[in-house]
Amino acid sequence: MYRWYCNEWFASSGETISNPCDRLELPKARKTRETVISRNQLAALLGEMTPLLRQIVELAYETAMRRSEILKLRACDLHLDERFLRVVEGKEGSRDVPLTRRAVRLLQYAVNRSEGPGAKLYPQAPYSVSQAVRRARITLGMSEDVRFHQLRHSRITEVARKGLNLSQIMVVSGHRDIRSVQRYTHLNVQDVVDLID
């Protein structure tokens, strides 16, 4: 491949090239989205959705769970009395997710209307969940950075603002790598000022 490229370069330009990679430009690093969805913005988004999609989106915000993890949930994965659920075969393997009181209520409602312990609590196509957030965002005139996955970033940032330490944040997020957590927390100087006094 290397020789072929050098020969092709010479044939087309008449110029010899010692290293074809010298001519390549690396792609620019993608800028991470730093939009943090506030509770007020969340309420506005939820107001534009059907009841089932509203529950999924609110649960994502309350738990920092990934869309795929929420859509795989079954009643047998829940331990509501102990306020946690078990994600089975998530992106980072299996893990336990701590639940807020609001998340427990949302999940209890889902269990009550489910078809049994092995049935999915949220029988919804992944694309339709993301589309619901997109449609609501457009209707409300919000930034295009408001996406389903930003709910995860927003929740992780929110728990960091509450003063949880890195190990505790990693339990909420399910990350095993500190660098990943750092990409998800969008703290500013004011967040830290509020904690240091």
C-alpha atoms as a PDB file:
ATOM      1  CA  MET A   1       0.000   0.000   0.000  1.00  0.00           C
ATOM      2  CA  TYR A   2       2.819   2.349   0.933  1.00  0.00           C
ATOM      3  CA  ARG A   3       4.733   1.668  -2.303  1.00  0.00           C
ATOM      4  CA  TRP A   4       1.575   1.972  -4.361  1.00  0.00           C
ATOM      5  CA  TYR A   5       0.804   5.390  -2.864  1.00  0.00           C
ATOM      6  CA  CYS A   6       4.363   6.640  -3.466  1.00  0.00           C
ATOM      7  CA  ASN A   7       4.231   5.441  -7.093  1.00  0.00           C
ATOM      8  CA  GLU A   8       0.806   7.027  -7.615  1.00  0.00           C
ATOM      9  CA  TRP A   9       1.995  10.292  -6.090  1.00  0.00           C
ATOM     10  CA  PHE A  10       5.065  10.329  -8.343  1.00  0.00           C
ATOM     11  CA  ALA A  11       2.990   9.457 -11.424  1.00  0.00           C
ATOM     12  CA  SER A  12       0.510  12.271 -10.783  1.00  0.00           C
ATOM     13  CA  SER A  13       2.861  14.991  -9.538  1.00  0.00           C
ATOM     14  CA  GLY A  14       6.319  14.046 -10.770  1.00  0.00           C
ATOM     15  CA  GLU A  15       7.509  14.670  -7.242  1.00  0.00           C
ATOM     16  CA  THR A  16       9.102  11.983  -5.102  1.00  0.00           C
ATOM     17  CA  ILE A  17       7.739  11.557  -1.640  1.00  0.00           C
ATOM     18  CA  SER A  18       9.545   9.797   1.165  1.00  0.00           C
ATOM     19  CA  ASN A  19       6.569   9.499   3.477  1.00  0.00           C
ATOM     20  CA  PRO A  20       3.008   9.766   2.164  1.00  0.00           C
ATOM     21  CA  CYS A  21       1.775  10.445   5.682  1.00  0.00           C
ATOM     22  CA  ASP A  22       3.531  13.818   5.589  1.00  0.00           C
ATOM     23  CA  ARG A  23       0.735  15.035   3.315  1.00  0.00           C
ATOM     24  CA  LEU A  24      -2.058  13.884   5.583  1.00  0.00           C
ATOM     25  CA  GLU A  25      -3.872  16.189   7.949  1.00  0.00           C
ATOM     26  CA  LEU A  26      -5.239  14.758  11.148  1.00  0.00           C
ATOM     27  CA  PRO A  27      -8.913  15.419  11.787  1.00  0.00           C
ATOM     28  CA  LYS A  28      -9.606  18.057  14.396  1.00  0.00           C
ATOM     29  CA  ALA A  29     -10.686  16.798  17.792  1.00  0.00           C
ATOM     30  CA  ARG A  30     -14.431  16.980  18.233  1.00  0.00           C
ATOM     31  CA  LYS A  31     -15.537  19.629  20.642  1.00  0.00           C
ATOM     32  CA  THR A  32     -17.477  18.083  23.490  1.00  0.00           C
ATOM     33  CA  ARG A  33     -20.941  19.376  24.145  1.00  0.00           C
ATOM     34  CA  GLU A  34     -20.948  21.265  27.402  1.00  0.00           C
ATOM     35  CA  THR A  35     -24.627  22.118  27.560  1.00  0.00           C
ATOM     36  CA  VAL A  36     -26.081  21.277  30.951  1.00  0.00           C
ATOM     37  CA  ILE A  37     -29.847  20.859  30.897  1.00  0.00           C
ATOM     38  CA  SER A  38     -31.402  22.632  33.878  1.00  0.00           C
ATOM     39  CA  ARG A  39     -34.384  21.336  35.829  1.00  0.00           C
ATOM     40  CA  ASN A  40     -36.517  24.083  34.239  1.00  0.00           C
ATOM     41  CA  GLN A  41     -35.426  23.065  30.747  1.00  0.00           C
ATOM     42  CA  LEU A  42     -36.139  19.437  31.614  1.00  0.00           C
ATOM     43  CA  ALA A  43     -39.662  20.351  32.752  1.00  0.00           C
ATOM     44  CA  ALA A  44     -40.252  22.197  29.479  1.00  0.00           C
ATOM     45  CA  LEU A  45     -38.993  19.223  27.439  1.00  0.00           C
ATOM     46  CA  LEU A  46     -41.171  16.793  29.390  1.00  0.00           C
ATOM     47  CA  GLY A  47     -44.204  18.982  28.739  1.00  0.00           C
ATOM     48  CA  GLU A  48     -43.817  18.310  25.014  1.00  0.00           C
ATOM     49  CA  MET A  49     -43.782  14.496  25.263  1.00  0.00           C
ATOM     50  CA  THR A  50     -46.167  11.582  25.546  1.00  0.00           C
ATOM     51  CA  PRO A  51     -46.419   9.994  29.025  1.00  0.00           C
ATOM     52  CA  LEU A  52     -44.206   6.977  28.233  1.00  0.00           C
ATOM     53  CA  LEU A  53     -41.466   9.050  26.616  1.00  0.00           C
ATOM     54  CA  ARG A  54     -41.714  11.559  29.452  1.00  0.00           C
ATOM     55  CA  GLN A  55     -40.983   8.775  31.969  1.00  0.00           C
ATOM     56  CA  ILE A  56     -37.974   7.531  30.000  1.00  0.00           C
ATOM     57  CA  VAL A  57     -36.479  11.011  29.641  1.00  0.00           C
ATOM     58  CA  GLU A  58     -37.054  11.909  33.277  1.00  0.00           C
ATOM     59  CA  LEU A  59     -35.563   8.591  34.403  1.00  0.00           C
ATOM     60  CA  ALA A  60     -32.484   9.303  32.279  1.00  0.00           C
ATOM     61  CA  TYR A  61     -32.086  12.649  34.023  1.00  0.00           C
ATOM     62  CA  GLU A  62     -32.618  11.169  37.495  1.00  0.00           C
ATOM     63  CA  THR A  63     -30.216   8.246  37.049  1.00  0.00           C
ATOM     64  CA  ALA A  64     -27.617   9.333  34.440  1.00  0.00           C
ATOM     65  CA  MET A  65     -28.326   6.040  32.690  1.00  0.00           C
ATOM     66  CA  ARG A  66     -27.663   5.505  29.002  1.00  0.00           C
ATOM     67  CA  ARG A  67     -30.628   5.153  26.655  1.00  0.00           C
ATOM     68  CA  SER A  68     -29.815   1.500  25.929  1.00  0.00           C
ATOM     69  CA  GLU A  69     -29.629   0.693  29.647  1.00  0.00           C
ATOM     70  CA  ILE A  70     -33.060   2.193  30.317  1.00  0.00           C
ATOM     71  CA  LEU A  71     -34.696   0.438  27.381  1.00  0.00           C
ATOM     72  CA  LYS A  72     -33.379  -2.968  28.537  1.00  0.00           C
ATOM     73  CA  LEU A  73     -34.760  -2.616  32.083  1.00  0.00           C
ATOM     74  CA  ARG A  74     -37.052  -5.319  33.446  1.00  0.00           C
ATOM     75  CA  ALA A  75     -38.808  -5.515  36.804  1.00  0.00           C
ATOM     76  CA  CYS A  76     -36.421  -8.275  37.886  1.00  0.00           C
ATOM     77  CA  ASP A  77     -33.512  -5.780  37.576  1.00  0.00           C
ATOM     78  CA  LEU A  78     -34.998  -3.470  40.204  1.00  0.00           C
ATOM     79  CA  HIS A  79     -34.382  -3.358  43.953  1.00  0.00           C
ATOM     80  CA  LEU A  80     -36.651  -0.453  44.780  1.00  0.00           C
ATOM     81  CA  ASP A  81     -36.769  -1.020  48.550  1.00  0.00           C
ATOM     82  CA  GLU A  82     -32.974  -0.680  48.625  1.00  0.00           C
ATOM     83  CA  ARG A  83     -33.111   2.183  46.065  1.00  0.00           C
ATOM     84  CA  PHE A  84     -30.906   0.712  43.368  1.00  0.00           C
ATOM     85  CA  LEU A  85     -31.223  -1.179  40.117  1.00  0.00           C
ATOM     86  CA  ARG A  86     -28.872  -3.530  38.342  1.00  0.00           C
ATOM     87  CA  VAL A  87     -27.839  -2.798  34.782  1.00  0.00           C
ATOM     88  CA  VAL A  88     -27.106  -6.133  33.150  1.00  0.00           C
ATOM     89  CA  GLU A  89     -24.583  -6.117  30.312  1.00  0.00           C
ATOM     90  CA  GLY A  90     -24.313  -2.348  29.975  1.00  0.00           C
ATOM     91  CA  LYS A  91     -21.572  -0.560  28.036  1.00  0.00           C
ATOM     92  CA  GLU A  92     -19.138  -0.995  30.938  1.00  0.00           C
ATOM     93  CA  GLY A  93     -20.494  -4.410  31.989  1.00  0.00           C
ATOM     94  CA  SER A  94     -22.993  -4.981  34.778  1.00  0.00           C
ATOM     95  CA  ARG A  95     -23.343  -2.355  37.493  1.00  0.00           C
ATOM     96  CA  ASP A  96     -25.638  -1.131  40.242  1.00  0.00           C
ATOM     97  CA  VAL A  97     -27.254   2.290  39.833  1.00  0.00           C
ATOM     98  CA  PRO A  98     -28.324   4.303  42.906  1.00  0.00           C
ATOM     99  CA  LEU A  99     -31.846   5.715  42.638  1.00  0.00           C
ATOM    100  CA  THR A 100     -33.292   9.028  43.738  1.00  0.00           C
ATOM    101  CA  ARG A 101     -36.709   8.942  45.382  1.00  0.00           C
ATOM    102  CA  ARG A 102     -38.198  10.350  42.176  1.00  0.00           C
ATOM    103  CA  ALA A 103     -36.553   7.574  40.133  1.00  0.00           C
ATOM    104  CA  VAL A 104     -38.050   4.972  42.494  1.00  0.00           C
ATOM    105  CA  ARG A 105     -41.533   6.448  41.917  1.00  0.00           C
ATOM    106  CA  LEU A 106     -41.057   6.460  38.135  1.00  0.00           C
ATOM    107  CA  LEU A 107     -39.886   2.855  38.161  1.00  0.00           C
ATOM    108  CA  GLN A 108     -42.680   1.726  40.493  1.00  0.00           C
ATOM    109  CA  TYR A 109     -45.193   3.196  38.053  1.00  0.00           C
ATOM    110  CA  ALA A 110     -43.491   1.344  35.178  1.00  0.00           C
ATOM    111  CA  VAL A 111     -43.564  -1.943  37.123  1.00  0.00           C
ATOM    112  CA  ASN A 112     -47.276  -1.516  37.878  1.00  0.00           C
ATOM    113  CA  ARG A 113     -48.105  -1.265  34.190  1.00  0.00           C
ATOM    114  CA  SER A 114     -45.570  -3.857  32.962  1.00  0.00           C
ATOM    115  CA  GLU A 115     -46.471  -7.275  31.611  1.00  0.00           C
ATOM    116  CA  GLY A 116     -44.438  -9.215  34.179  1.00  0.00           C
ATOM    117  CA  PRO A 117     -40.998  -9.501  35.803  1.00  0.00           C
ATOM    118  CA  GLY A 118     -39.238 -10.527  32.575  1.00  0.00           C
ATOM    119  CA  ALA A 119     -40.922  -7.980  30.299  1.00  0.00           C
ATOM    120  CA  LYS A 120     -39.209  -4.748  29.329  1.00  0.00           C
ATOM    121  CA  LEU A 121     -40.461  -1.812  31.379  1.00  0.00           C
ATOM    122  CA  TYR A 122     -40.075   0.584  28.465  1.00  0.00           C
ATOM    123  CA  PRO A 123     -40.902  -1.182  25.188  1.00  0.00           C
ATOM    124  CA  GLN A 124     -39.769   1.662  22.972  1.00  0.00           C
ATOM    125  CA  ALA A 125     -37.451   1.930  19.962  1.00  0.00           C
ATOM    126  CA  PRO A 126     -34.186   3.732  20.802  1.00  0.00           C
ATOM    127  CA  TYR A 127     -34.564   6.126  17.878  1.00  0.00           C
ATOM    128  CA  SER A 128     -38.028   7.230  18.969  1.00  0.00           C
ATOM    129  CA  VAL A 129     -36.690   8.260  22.380  1.00  0.00           C
ATOM    130  CA  SER A 130     -33.970  10.430  20.849  1.00  0.00           C
ATOM    131  CA  GLN A 131     -36.458  11.839  18.343  1.00  0.00           C
ATOM    132  CA  ALA A 132     -38.830  12.837  21.147  1.00  0.00           C
ATOM    133  CA  VAL A 133     -36.089  14.946  22.742  1.00  0.00           C
ATOM    134  CA  ARG A 134     -35.162  16.411  19.359  1.00  0.00           C
ATOM    135  CA  ARG A 135     -38.764  17.349  18.517  1.00  0.00           C
ATOM    136  CA  ALA A 136     -39.308  18.919  21.946  1.00  0.00           C
ATOM    137  CA  ARG A 137     -36.028  20.849  21.675  1.00  0.00           C
ATOM    138  CA  ILE A 138     -36.999  22.231  18.268  1.00  0.00           C
ATOM    139  CA  THR A 139     -40.517  23.127  19.411  1.00  0.00           C
ATOM    140  CA  LEU A 140     -39.090  24.990  22.405  1.00  0.00           C
ATOM    141  CA  GLY A 141     -36.310  26.678  20.426  1.00  0.00           C
ATOM    142  CA  MET A 142     -33.549  25.192  22.583  1.00  0.00           C
ATOM    143  CA  SER A 143     -29.925  24.759  21.502  1.00  0.00           C
ATOM    144  CA  GLU A 144     -29.181  21.838  19.195  1.00  0.00           C
ATOM    145  CA  ASP A 145     -26.804  20.617  21.913  1.00  0.00           C
ATOM    146  CA  VAL A 146     -29.882  19.551  23.904  1.00  0.00           C
ATOM    147  CA  ARG A 147     -29.956  15.837  23.092  1.00  0.00           C
ATOM    148  CA  PHE A 148     -30.909  12.683  24.936  1.00  0.00           C
ATOM    149  CA  HIS A 149     -27.308  11.916  25.885  1.00  0.00           C
ATOM    150  CA  GLN A 150     -26.947  15.397  27.412  1.00  0.00           C
ATOM    151  CA  LEU A 151     -29.348  14.238  30.134  1.00  0.00           C
ATOM    152  CA  ARG A 152     -26.549  11.943  31.315  1.00  0.00           C
ATOM    153  CA  HIS A 153     -23.981  14.765  31.233  1.00  0.00           C
ATOM    154  CA  SER A 154     -26.417  17.024  33.078  1.00  0.00           C
ATOM    155  CA  ARG A 155     -27.108  14.560  35.876  1.00  0.00           C
ATOM    156  CA  ILE A 156     -23.433  13.777  36.378  1.00  0.00           C
ATOM    157  CA  THR A 157     -22.695  17.512  36.532  1.00  0.00           C
ATOM    158  CA  GLU A 158     -25.562  17.987  38.987  1.00  0.00           C
ATOM    159  CA  VAL A 159     -24.226  15.367  41.405  1.00  0.00           C
ATOM    160  CA  ALA A 160     -20.739  16.877  41.119  1.00  0.00           C
ATOM    161  CA  ARG A 161     -22.205  20.278  42.023  1.00  0.00           C
ATOM    162  CA  LYS A 162     -23.718  18.717  45.142  1.00  0.00           C
ATOM    163  CA  GLY A 163     -20.188  17.984  46.315  1.00  0.00           C
ATOM    164  CA  LEU A 164     -19.998  14.221  45.764  1.00  0.00           C
ATOM    165  CA  ASN A 165     -16.421  13.025  45.534  1.00  0.00           C
ATOM    166  CA  LEU A 166     -14.980  11.396  42.415  1.00  0.00           C
ATOM    167  CA  SER A 167     -15.580   7.841  43.641  1.00  0.00           C
ATOM    168  CA  GLN A 168     -19.226   8.629  44.379  1.00  0.00           C
ATOM    169  CA  ILE A 169     -19.685  10.291  40.986  1.00  0.00           C
ATOM    170  CA  MET A 170     -18.243   7.177  39.342  1.00  0.00           C
ATOM    171  CA  VAL A 171     -20.879   5.048  41.093  1.00  0.00           C
ATOM    172  CA  VAL A 172     -23.606   7.298  39.674  1.00  0.00           C
ATOM    173  CA  SER A 173     -22.129   7.420  36.168  1.00  0.00           C
ATOM    174  CA  GLY A 174     -20.920   3.842  35.949  1.00  0.00           C
ATOM    175  CA  HIS A 175     -17.557   4.978  34.602  1.00  0.00           C
ATOM    176  CA  ARG A 176     -14.453   3.069  35.565  1.00  0.00           C
ATOM    177  CA  ASP A 177     -12.037   5.645  34.193  1.00  0.00           C
ATOM    178  CA  ILE A 178     -11.469   9.056  35.776  1.00  0.00           C
ATOM    179  CA  ARG A 179     -10.914  10.681  32.364  1.00  0.00           C
ATOM    180  CA  SER A 180     -14.406   9.660  31.273  1.00  0.00           C
ATOM    181  CA  VAL A 181     -15.936  11.243  34.354  1.00  0.00           C
ATOM    182  CA  GLN A 182     -14.006  14.437  33.671  1.00  0.00           C
ATOM    183  CA  ARG A 183     -15.529  14.624  30.172  1.00  0.00           C
ATOM    184  CA  TYR A 184     -18.994  14.351  31.690  1.00  0.00           C
ATOM    185  CA  THR A 185     -18.725  16.913  34.472  1.00  0.00           C
ATOM    186  CA  HIS A 186     -19.120  20.493  33.314  1.00  0.00           C
ATOM    187  CA  LEU A 187     -18.303  22.489  36.418  1.00  0.00           C
ATOM    188  CA  ASN A 188     -17.399  26.144  36.364  1.00  0.00           C
ATOM    189  CA  VAL A 189     -15.676  28.332  38.931  1.00  0.00           C
ATOM    190  CA  GLN A 190     -18.973  29.385  40.532  1.00  0.00           C
ATOM    191  CA  ASP A 191     -19.836  25.737  41.230  1.00  0.00           C
ATOM    192  CA  VAL A 192     -16.607  25.393  43.191  1.00  0.00           C
ATOM    193  CA  VAL A 193     -16.961  28.759  44.969  1.00  0.00           C
ATOM    194  CA  ASP A 194     -20.361  27.626  46.249  1.00  0.00           C
ATOM    195  CA  LEU A 195     -18.773  24.503  47.767  1.00  0.00           C
ATOM    196  CA  ILE A 196     -15.644  25.908  49.387  1.00  0.00           C
ATOM    197  CA  ASP A 197     -17.321  28.143  51.991  1.00  0.00           C
END
